N, C-alpha and C. Protein backbone atom coordinates (compact mmCIF):
# COMPACT_ATOMS: atom_id res chain seq x y z
N MET A 1 -0.05 -0.97 0.50
CA MET A 1 0.29 -0.20 0.03
C MET A 1 0.75 1.76 0.51
N ALA A 2 1.47 1.47 0.84
CA ALA A 2 3.04 2.84 0.90
C ALA A 2 3.33 2.40 -0.36
N ALA A 3 3.90 1.61 -0.28
CA ALA A 3 4.45 1.65 -2.24
C ALA A 3 3.44 2.28 -3.01
N CYS A 4 3.08 2.32 -3.76
CA CYS A 4 1.70 2.29 -4.58
C CYS A 4 1.58 3.78 -4.19
N ALA A 5 0.91 4.35 -2.80
CA ALA A 5 1.04 5.15 -2.48
C ALA A 5 2.21 6.21 -2.82
N GLU A 6 2.58 6.12 -2.95
CA GLU A 6 4.09 6.94 -3.06
C GLU A 6 5.23 6.23 -3.96
N ASP A 7 4.40 5.64 -5.28
CA ASP A 7 4.13 5.56 -6.67
C ASP A 7 5.62 4.78 -6.95
N ASP A 8 5.70 3.72 -6.28
CA ASP A 8 7.29 3.14 -6.19
C ASP A 8 6.97 2.32 -6.85
N PRO A 9 6.60 2.15 -7.97
CA PRO A 9 6.77 -0.01 -8.75
C PRO A 9 7.08 -0.76 -8.72
N ALA A 10 8.31 -0.61 -8.24
CA ALA A 10 9.52 -1.45 -8.59
C ALA A 10 9.11 -2.35 -6.88
N ARG A 11 9.04 -1.37 -5.82
CA ARG A 11 8.83 -1.93 -4.72
C ARG A 11 7.61 -2.59 -4.48
N ALA A 12 5.96 -1.88 -5.27
CA ALA A 12 4.94 -2.00 -4.78
C ALA A 12 5.10 -3.49 -5.97
N GLU A 13 6.07 -4.21 -7.14
CA GLU A 13 6.42 -5.47 -7.50
C GLU A 13 7.01 -6.59 -6.28
N GLU A 14 7.68 -5.77 -6.21
CA GLU A 14 7.97 -6.61 -4.61
C GLU A 14 7.33 -7.42 -3.41
N ALA A 15 6.75 -7.05 -3.26
CA ALA A 15 5.89 -6.61 -1.98
C ALA A 15 4.25 -7.44 -2.81
N ALA A 16 4.06 -7.17 -3.71
CA ALA A 16 3.26 -8.03 -4.24
C ALA A 16 3.71 -9.45 -4.50
N SER A 17 5.14 -9.96 -4.39
CA SER A 17 5.73 -11.14 -5.09
C SER A 17 6.09 -11.50 -3.74
N ARG A 18 5.81 -11.01 -2.32
CA ARG A 18 5.78 -12.02 -1.23
C ARG A 18 4.78 -12.29 -1.11
N VAL A 19 3.56 -11.59 -0.84
CA VAL A 19 2.82 -11.58 0.03
C VAL A 19 0.92 -12.77 -0.90
N SER A 20 1.07 -13.33 -0.49
CA SER A 20 -0.40 -13.95 -1.48
C SER A 20 -1.65 -13.65 -2.06
N PRO A 21 -2.15 -13.26 -3.05
CA PRO A 21 -3.59 -12.68 -3.58
C PRO A 21 -4.83 -12.13 -2.25
N GLY A 22 -4.77 -12.81 -1.58
CA GLY A 22 -5.71 -13.91 -0.26
C GLY A 22 -5.35 -13.03 0.80
N MET A 23 -3.83 -12.99 1.27
CA MET A 23 -3.66 -11.85 2.29
C MET A 23 -3.79 -10.46 1.82
N LEU A 24 -3.69 -10.47 0.38
CA LEU A 24 -3.53 -8.58 0.39
C LEU A 24 -4.87 -8.21 0.05
N THR A 25 -5.42 -9.33 -0.02
CA THR A 25 -6.99 -8.49 -0.23
C THR A 25 -7.15 -8.40 0.92
N PHE A 26 -7.02 -9.23 1.92
CA PHE A 26 -8.28 -9.32 3.64
C PHE A 26 -7.33 -7.86 3.90
N GLY A 27 -5.41 -7.74 3.36
CA GLY A 27 -4.79 -6.35 3.89
C GLY A 27 -5.59 -5.00 3.61
N ILE A 28 -5.43 -4.97 2.73
CA ILE A 28 -6.04 -3.62 1.65
C ILE A 28 -7.77 -3.50 2.07
N ASN A 29 -8.36 -4.38 2.56
CA ASN A 29 -9.92 -4.60 3.09
C ASN A 29 -10.07 -4.52 4.48
N GLU A 30 -8.61 -4.69 5.17
CA GLU A 30 -9.01 -4.40 6.36
C GLU A 30 -8.12 -2.47 6.96
N LEU A 31 -7.77 -2.09 5.78
CA LEU A 31 -6.94 -0.89 5.58
C LEU A 31 -7.80 -0.20 5.54
N ALA A 32 -8.75 -0.64 4.54
CA ALA A 32 -9.99 0.62 4.21
C ALA A 32 -11.04 0.89 5.33
N CYS A 33 -11.54 -0.65 6.04
CA CYS A 33 -12.08 -0.14 6.88
C CYS A 33 -11.75 1.17 7.78
N ARG A 34 -10.50 0.13 8.45
CA ARG A 34 -9.67 1.37 9.35
C ARG A 34 -9.90 2.76 9.11
N ALA A 35 -9.89 2.69 8.50
CA ALA A 35 -9.15 4.40 7.72
C ALA A 35 -10.76 5.06 7.56
N LEU A 36 -11.67 4.26 7.19
CA LEU A 36 -12.73 5.03 6.95
C LEU A 36 -13.69 5.06 8.28
N ILE A 37 -13.72 4.58 9.00
CA ILE A 37 -13.48 4.44 10.93
C ILE A 37 -13.05 5.78 11.48
N THR A 38 -11.92 6.00 11.21
CA THR A 38 -11.32 7.23 11.52
C THR A 38 -11.62 8.47 10.78
N LEU A 39 -12.10 8.53 9.57
CA LEU A 39 -12.53 9.36 9.08
C LEU A 39 -13.41 9.75 9.77
N ALA A 40 -14.13 8.83 9.81
CA ALA A 40 -16.15 8.85 10.34
C ALA A 40 -15.67 9.79 11.25
N ARG A 41 -15.23 8.75 12.07
CA ARG A 41 -14.95 9.24 14.10
C ARG A 41 -14.30 10.84 14.01
N GLU A 42 -13.16 11.73 12.86
CA GLU A 42 -13.01 12.95 13.05
C GLU A 42 -13.99 13.22 11.14
N ARG A 43 -15.11 13.74 11.27
CA ARG A 43 -15.53 14.35 10.68
C ARG A 43 -17.07 14.46 11.84
N GLY A 44 -16.87 13.47 12.56
CA GLY A 44 -17.86 13.77 13.10
C GLY A 44 -19.17 12.85 12.57
N GLN A 45 -19.83 12.03 11.06
CA GLN A 45 -20.35 11.25 10.36
C GLN A 45 -20.24 10.39 9.96
N SER A 46 -20.79 9.43 10.40
CA SER A 46 -21.30 7.71 10.60
C SER A 46 -20.34 7.25 9.32
N PRO A 47 -19.47 5.36 9.15
CA PRO A 47 -18.92 5.37 8.43
C PRO A 47 -19.94 5.32 6.99
N ARG A 48 -20.59 4.73 6.78
CA ARG A 48 -21.45 5.19 5.89
C ARG A 48 -22.00 6.44 4.82
N THR A 49 -21.88 7.63 5.67
CA THR A 49 -22.01 9.37 5.43
C THR A 49 -20.51 8.85 4.87
N VAL A 50 -19.39 8.94 5.04
CA VAL A 50 -18.06 9.28 4.21
C VAL A 50 -17.54 8.32 3.52
N ALA A 51 -18.58 7.01 4.02
CA ALA A 51 -17.58 6.45 2.43
C ALA A 51 -18.58 6.53 1.23
N ARG A 52 -20.25 7.01 1.14
CA ARG A 52 -20.57 8.11 0.18
C ARG A 52 -20.32 9.22 0.02
N SER A 53 -19.52 9.68 -0.01
CA SER A 53 -18.55 10.88 0.04
C SER A 53 -17.32 11.00 -1.05
N LEU A 54 -17.02 9.75 -0.47
CA LEU A 54 -15.55 9.87 -1.02
C LEU A 54 -15.57 8.95 -2.01
N LEU A 55 -16.62 7.60 -2.25
CA LEU A 55 -17.33 7.64 -3.39
C LEU A 55 -17.33 8.49 -4.76
N GLY A 56 -18.41 9.81 -4.25
CA GLY A 56 -18.97 10.71 -4.79
C GLY A 56 -20.63 10.43 -4.95
N LEU A 57 -20.80 9.76 -3.95
CA LEU A 57 -22.78 9.39 -4.25
C LEU A 57 -23.51 9.52 -2.91
N ARG A 58 -24.58 10.72 -3.32
CA ARG A 58 -25.52 11.26 -2.58
C ARG A 58 -25.51 10.13 -1.57
N ASP A 59 -26.52 11.00 -0.59
CA ASP A 59 -26.87 10.10 0.32
C ASP A 59 -28.54 9.99 0.30
N PRO A 60 -28.62 8.98 0.01
CA PRO A 60 -30.21 8.54 0.09
C PRO A 60 -30.94 9.36 0.56
N SER A 61 -32.37 10.10 -0.15
CA SER A 61 -32.85 10.48 0.50
C SER A 61 -33.68 10.21 1.92
N PRO A 62 -34.05 10.57 2.74
CA PRO A 62 -34.64 10.34 4.29
C PRO A 62 -35.97 9.50 3.54
N VAL A 63 -35.83 8.23 3.91
CA VAL A 63 -37.30 7.26 3.89
C VAL A 63 -38.50 7.95 5.03
N ARG A 64 -39.63 8.64 4.15
CA ARG A 64 -40.98 9.36 4.91
C ARG A 64 -41.34 8.31 4.71
N PRO A 65 -42.25 7.94 6.28
CA PRO A 65 -43.18 7.08 6.80
C PRO A 65 -44.19 6.92 6.03
N ALA A 66 -45.06 5.76 5.02
CA ALA A 66 -46.36 6.04 4.38
C ALA A 66 -47.03 6.71 5.48
N GLY A 67 -48.06 8.11 4.30
CA GLY A 67 -49.21 8.75 4.74
C GLY A 67 -48.25 9.88 5.46
N ASP A 68 -46.77 10.29 5.26
CA ASP A 68 -46.75 11.58 5.82
C ASP A 68 -46.10 12.07 4.21
N ALA A 69 -47.05 12.07 2.91
CA ALA A 69 -47.02 13.05 2.42
C ALA A 69 -47.70 14.41 1.87
């Protein structure tokens, strides 16, 4: 992850050869989850709201109970 963020393809390739694809996927997922939780805490928002914001998605309209039209 660090090699990719630092745009170091040689180091990224070396790291990829040392880690199984399954473990790499697990590590990336775990890192993303932790980063999302940290950002949500810093912003005082829910992880869902932060994730949607990072992906450029709008929050869906609040669901209104039937009969509140």
